[in-house]
Amino acid sequence: MNDKLKLLLALTMSYGAGFIGSFFTMSQIDAWYQFVNKPSFNPPNWVFGPVWSLLYLLMAVSLYLFWKKGLNTRYQKDIFKLFVLNLLLNSLWSIVFFGFHNPTLALAIIIGLLYTIFLLIKRFWNDFRISAYLLIPYFLWVAFATMLNVAIVILN
């Protein structure tokens, strides 16, 4: 597979995860989420779209830079599978939190999501350092989102 196709697929995978999540999120912002008790440090709703758009781009570039070196070893294939799992958890959180209105179950999912991001950064660190750096903002944002999720569970 050539590099342009890998880039296109990395972008499609990352933004695809975002699209799935936003499908469940957008209709619930005014219908359900506005009535949820939120902590004082909850950002305004308009912040989330631009932040996630940038994070999905960074995730895609991270995946692409790793992927363009090939999936020749079991270790590389395992990292790729971990990245896919991460994207699935990313989408699943929105489905559970917004679609099912279940912040408690979503908290378990986001903790798993945060852990997979940590593992990706750790595994990228030695051989794919730029890919690791590109995931640090994602890790920080999801850590913040985890704190929001905890606060929402407590307040509701």
C-alpha atoms as a PDB file:
ATOM      1  CA  MET A   1       0.000   0.000   0.000  1.00  0.00           C
ATOM      2  CA  ASN A   2       1.433   3.392  -0.927  1.00  0.00           C
ATOM      3  CA  ASP A   3       1.909   6.257   1.516  1.00  0.00           C
ATOM      4  CA  LYS A   4      -0.872   8.436   0.084  1.00  0.00           C
ATOM      5  CA  LEU A   5      -3.391   5.669   0.630  1.00  0.00           C
ATOM      6  CA  LYS A   6      -2.105   5.116   4.178  1.00  0.00           C
ATOM      7  CA  LEU A   7      -2.543   8.832   4.897  1.00  0.00           C
ATOM      8  CA  LEU A   8      -6.047   8.810   3.445  1.00  0.00           C
ATOM      9  CA  LEU A   9      -6.973   5.743   5.492  1.00  0.00           C
ATOM     10  CA  ALA A  10      -5.462   7.192   8.677  1.00  0.00           C
ATOM     11  CA  LEU A  11      -7.493  10.380   8.190  1.00  0.00           C
ATOM     12  CA  THR A  12     -10.630   8.371   7.400  1.00  0.00           C
ATOM     13  CA  MET A  13     -10.188   6.157  10.452  1.00  0.00           C
ATOM     14  CA  SER A  14      -9.588   9.056  12.854  1.00  0.00           C
ATOM     15  CA  TYR A  15     -12.266  11.375  11.536  1.00  0.00           C
ATOM     16  CA  GLY A  16     -14.583   8.381  11.094  1.00  0.00           C
ATOM     17  CA  ALA A  17     -14.343   7.703  14.818  1.00  0.00           C
ATOM     18  CA  GLY A  18     -15.122  11.363  15.399  1.00  0.00           C
ATOM     19  CA  PHE A  19     -18.069  11.279  13.020  1.00  0.00           C
ATOM     20  CA  ILE A  20     -19.580   8.269  14.760  1.00  0.00           C
ATOM     21  CA  GLY A  21     -19.179   9.972  18.123  1.00  0.00           C
ATOM     22  CA  SER A  22     -20.615  13.266  16.901  1.00  0.00           C
ATOM     23  CA  PHE A  23     -23.629  11.483  15.419  1.00  0.00           C
ATOM     24  CA  PHE A  24     -24.648  10.464  18.940  1.00  0.00           C
ATOM     25  CA  THR A  25     -23.497  13.708  20.548  1.00  0.00           C
ATOM     26  CA  MET A  26     -25.019  16.471  18.421  1.00  0.00           C
ATOM     27  CA  SER A  27     -28.665  15.547  18.876  1.00  0.00           C
ATOM     28  CA  GLN A  28     -28.252  15.268  22.646  1.00  0.00           C
ATOM     29  CA  ILE A  29     -26.551  18.603  23.389  1.00  0.00           C
ATOM     30  CA  ASP A  30     -29.857  20.460  23.545  1.00  0.00           C
ATOM     31  CA  ALA A  31     -32.096  17.488  24.338  1.00  0.00           C
ATOM     32  CA  TRP A  32     -30.305  15.834  27.279  1.00  0.00           C
ATOM     33  CA  TYR A  33     -26.871  17.276  28.007  1.00  0.00           C
ATOM     34  CA  GLN A  34     -28.101  20.806  28.768  1.00  0.00           C
ATOM     35  CA  PHE A  35     -30.019  19.384  31.742  1.00  0.00           C
ATOM     36  CA  VAL A  36     -27.070  17.437  33.158  1.00  0.00           C
ATOM     37  CA  ASN A  37     -25.437  18.995  36.227  1.00  0.00           C
ATOM     38  CA  LYS A  38     -21.902  19.949  35.195  1.00  0.00           C
ATOM     39  CA  PRO A  39     -18.873  21.132  37.170  1.00  0.00           C
ATOM     40  CA  SER A  40     -17.772  24.756  37.141  1.00  0.00           C
ATOM     41  CA  PHE A  41     -14.712  23.858  35.042  1.00  0.00           C
ATOM     42  CA  ASN A  42     -16.835  22.465  32.195  1.00  0.00           C
ATOM     43  CA  PRO A  43     -15.901  24.383  29.010  1.00  0.00           C
ATOM     44  CA  PRO A  44     -18.599  25.959  26.853  1.00  0.00           C
ATOM     45  CA  ASN A  45     -20.064  23.566  24.286  1.00  0.00           C
ATOM     46  CA  TRP A  46     -18.501  25.423  21.351  1.00  0.00           C
ATOM     47  CA  VAL A  47     -14.978  24.490  22.556  1.00  0.00           C
ATOM     48  CA  PHE A  48     -15.382  20.764  21.988  1.00  0.00           C
ATOM     49  CA  GLY A  49     -15.785  20.789  18.188  1.00  0.00           C
ATOM     50  CA  PRO A  50     -12.579  22.674  17.338  1.00  0.00           C
ATOM     51  CA  VAL A  51     -10.550  20.804  19.959  1.00  0.00           C
ATOM     52  CA  TRP A  52     -11.677  17.397  18.736  1.00  0.00           C
ATOM     53  CA  SER A  53     -11.154  18.381  15.096  1.00  0.00           C
ATOM     54  CA  LEU A  54      -7.530  19.208  15.856  1.00  0.00           C
ATOM     55  CA  LEU A  55      -7.052  16.090  17.984  1.00  0.00           C
ATOM     56  CA  TYR A  56      -8.407  13.813  15.240  1.00  0.00           C
ATOM     57  CA  LEU A  57      -5.940  15.389  12.827  1.00  0.00           C
ATOM     58  CA  LEU A  58      -3.049  14.813  15.244  1.00  0.00           C
ATOM     59  CA  MET A  59      -4.203  11.231  15.777  1.00  0.00           C
ATOM     60  CA  ALA A  60      -4.356  10.620  12.028  1.00  0.00           C
ATOM     61  CA  VAL A  61      -0.881  12.048  11.441  1.00  0.00           C
ATOM     62  CA  SER A  62       0.466  10.010  14.353  1.00  0.00           C
ATOM     63  CA  LEU A  63      -1.013   6.836  12.882  1.00  0.00           C
ATOM     64  CA  TYR A  64       0.214   7.677   9.389  1.00  0.00           C
ATOM     65  CA  LEU A  65       3.813   8.370  10.465  1.00  0.00           C
ATOM     66  CA  PHE A  66       3.868   5.043  12.271  1.00  0.00           C
ATOM     67  CA  TRP A  67       2.062   3.136   9.508  1.00  0.00           C
ATOM     68  CA  LYS A  68       4.202   4.413   6.648  1.00  0.00           C
ATOM     69  CA  LYS A  69       7.162   2.521   8.127  1.00  0.00           C
ATOM     70  CA  GLY A  70       5.170  -0.656   7.582  1.00  0.00           C
ATOM     71  CA  LEU A  71       3.427  -3.306   9.604  1.00  0.00           C
ATOM     72  CA  ASN A  72       6.204  -5.825   9.160  1.00  0.00           C
ATOM     73  CA  THR A  73       6.581  -7.150  12.692  1.00  0.00           C
ATOM     74  CA  ARG A  74       4.162  -8.560  15.215  1.00  0.00           C
ATOM     75  CA  TYR A  75       5.013  -5.589  17.462  1.00  0.00           C
ATOM     76  CA  GLN A  76       3.999  -3.112  14.742  1.00  0.00           C
ATOM     77  CA  LYS A  77       0.808  -5.055  14.038  1.00  0.00           C
ATOM     78  CA  ASP A  78      -0.028  -5.073  17.751  1.00  0.00           C
ATOM     79  CA  ILE A  79       0.442  -1.295  17.927  1.00  0.00           C
ATOM     80  CA  PHE A  80      -1.850  -0.873  14.922  1.00  0.00           C
ATOM     81  CA  LYS A  81      -4.505  -3.034  16.611  1.00  0.00           C
ATOM     82  CA  LEU A  82      -4.143  -0.965  19.788  1.00  0.00           C
ATOM     83  CA  PHE A  83      -4.696   2.199  17.737  1.00  0.00           C
ATOM     84  CA  VAL A  84      -7.871   0.698  16.252  1.00  0.00           C
ATOM     85  CA  LEU A  85      -9.059  -0.284  19.740  1.00  0.00           C
ATOM     86  CA  ASN A  86      -8.402   3.283  20.846  1.00  0.00           C
ATOM     87  CA  LEU A  87     -10.551   4.654  18.032  1.00  0.00           C
ATOM     88  CA  LEU A  88     -13.333   2.208  18.894  1.00  0.00           C
ATOM     89  CA  LEU A  89     -13.271   3.257  22.557  1.00  0.00           C
ATOM     90  CA  ASN A  90     -13.272   6.897  21.466  1.00  0.00           C
ATOM     91  CA  SER A  91     -16.499   6.388  19.515  1.00  0.00           C
ATOM     92  CA  LEU A  92     -18.021   4.100  22.126  1.00  0.00           C
ATOM     93  CA  TRP A  93     -17.656   6.724  24.842  1.00  0.00           C
ATOM     94  CA  SER A  94     -19.889   9.156  22.927  1.00  0.00           C
ATOM     95  CA  ILE A  95     -22.413   6.431  22.175  1.00  0.00           C
ATOM     96  CA  VAL A  96     -22.675   5.448  25.842  1.00  0.00           C
ATOM     97  CA  PHE A  97     -22.450   8.933  27.384  1.00  0.00           C
ATOM     98  CA  PHE A  98     -24.682  10.819  24.954  1.00  0.00           C
ATOM     99  CA  GLY A  99     -26.618   8.074  23.176  1.00  0.00           C
ATOM    100  CA  PHE A 100     -27.440   5.933  26.221  1.00  0.00           C
ATOM    101  CA  HIS A 101     -27.274   8.815  28.753  1.00  0.00           C
ATOM    102  CA  ASN A 102     -25.042   6.691  30.950  1.00  0.00           C
ATOM    103  CA  PRO A 103     -22.156   8.732  32.411  1.00  0.00           C
ATOM    104  CA  THR A 104     -21.225   5.947  34.845  1.00  0.00           C
ATOM    105  CA  LEU A 105     -20.604   3.324  32.164  1.00  0.00           C
ATOM    106  CA  ALA A 106     -19.001   6.015  30.009  1.00  0.00           C
ATOM    107  CA  LEU A 107     -16.550   6.652  32.851  1.00  0.00           C
ATOM    108  CA  ALA A 108     -15.331   3.050  32.665  1.00  0.00           C
ATOM    109  CA  ILE A 109     -14.911   3.429  28.910  1.00  0.00           C
ATOM    110  CA  ILE A 110     -13.016   6.715  29.113  1.00  0.00           C
ATOM    111  CA  ILE A 111     -10.632   5.239  31.681  1.00  0.00           C
ATOM    112  CA  GLY A 112      -9.925   2.451  29.190  1.00  0.00           C
ATOM    113  CA  LEU A 113      -9.528   5.045  26.449  1.00  0.00           C
ATOM    114  CA  LEU A 114      -7.049   7.031  28.519  1.00  0.00           C
ATOM    115  CA  TYR A 115      -5.085   3.855  29.227  1.00  0.00           C
ATOM    116  CA  THR A 116      -4.890   2.952  25.518  1.00  0.00           C
ATOM    117  CA  ILE A 117      -3.579   6.436  24.713  1.00  0.00           C
ATOM    118  CA  PHE A 118      -0.942   6.020  27.426  1.00  0.00           C
ATOM    119  CA  LEU A 119       0.044   2.635  25.979  1.00  0.00           C
ATOM    120  CA  LEU A 120       0.271   4.064  22.461  1.00  0.00           C
ATOM    121  CA  ILE A 121       2.532   6.888  23.619  1.00  0.00           C
ATOM    122  CA  LYS A 122       4.671   4.416  25.554  1.00  0.00           C
ATOM    123  CA  ARG A 123       4.979   2.013  22.609  1.00  0.00           C
ATOM    124  CA  PHE A 124       5.666   4.778  20.100  1.00  0.00           C
ATOM    125  CA  TRP A 125       8.268   6.443  22.323  1.00  0.00           C
ATOM    126  CA  ASN A 126      11.434   4.592  21.290  1.00  0.00           C
ATOM    127  CA  ASP A 127      10.923   4.001  17.578  1.00  0.00           C
ATOM    128  CA  PHE A 128       8.186   6.443  16.552  1.00  0.00           C
ATOM    129  CA  ARG A 129       8.854   9.459  18.785  1.00  0.00           C
ATOM    130  CA  ILE A 130       6.992  12.006  16.640  1.00  0.00           C
ATOM    131  CA  SER A 131       3.905   9.778  16.685  1.00  0.00           C
ATOM    132  CA  ALA A 132       4.167   9.699  20.478  1.00  0.00           C
ATOM    133  CA  TYR A 133       4.464  13.491  20.750  1.00  0.00           C
ATOM    134  CA  LEU A 134       1.435  13.963  18.504  1.00  0.00           C
ATOM    135  CA  LEU A 135      -0.688  11.936  20.936  1.00  0.00           C
ATOM    136  CA  ILE A 136       0.231  13.930  24.047  1.00  0.00           C
ATOM    137  CA  PRO A 137      -2.450  16.640  23.486  1.00  0.00           C
ATOM    138  CA  TYR A 138      -4.989  13.845  22.981  1.00  0.00           C
ATOM    139  CA  PHE A 139      -3.907  12.226  26.259  1.00  0.00           C
ATOM    140  CA  LEU A 140      -4.159  15.542  28.116  1.00  0.00           C
ATOM    141  CA  TRP A 141      -7.594  16.339  26.690  1.00  0.00           C
ATOM    142  CA  VAL A 142      -8.953  12.881  27.481  1.00  0.00           C
ATOM    143  CA  ALA A 143      -7.507  13.161  31.009  1.00  0.00           C
ATOM    144  CA  PHE A 144      -9.428  16.434  31.363  1.00  0.00           C
ATOM    145  CA  ALA A 145     -12.539  14.802  29.871  1.00  0.00           C
ATOM    146  CA  THR A 146     -12.152  11.984  32.399  1.00  0.00           C
ATOM    147  CA  MET A 147     -12.216  14.540  35.224  1.00  0.00           C
ATOM    148  CA  LEU A 148     -15.347  16.066  33.683  1.00  0.00           C
ATOM    149  CA  ASN A 149     -16.929  12.628  33.437  1.00  0.00           C
ATOM    150  CA  VAL A 150     -16.119  11.885  37.106  1.00  0.00           C
ATOM    151  CA  ALA A 151     -17.609  15.223  38.162  1.00  0.00           C
ATOM    152  CA  ILE A 152     -20.765  14.604  36.132  1.00  0.00           C
ATOM    153  CA  VAL A 153     -21.204  11.178  37.728  1.00  0.00           C
ATOM    154  CA  ILE A 154     -20.819  12.735  41.193  1.00  0.00           C
ATOM    155  CA  LEU A 155     -23.125  15.686  40.486  1.00  0.00           C
ATOM    156  CA  ASN A 156     -25.871  13.566  38.985  1.00  0.00           C
END
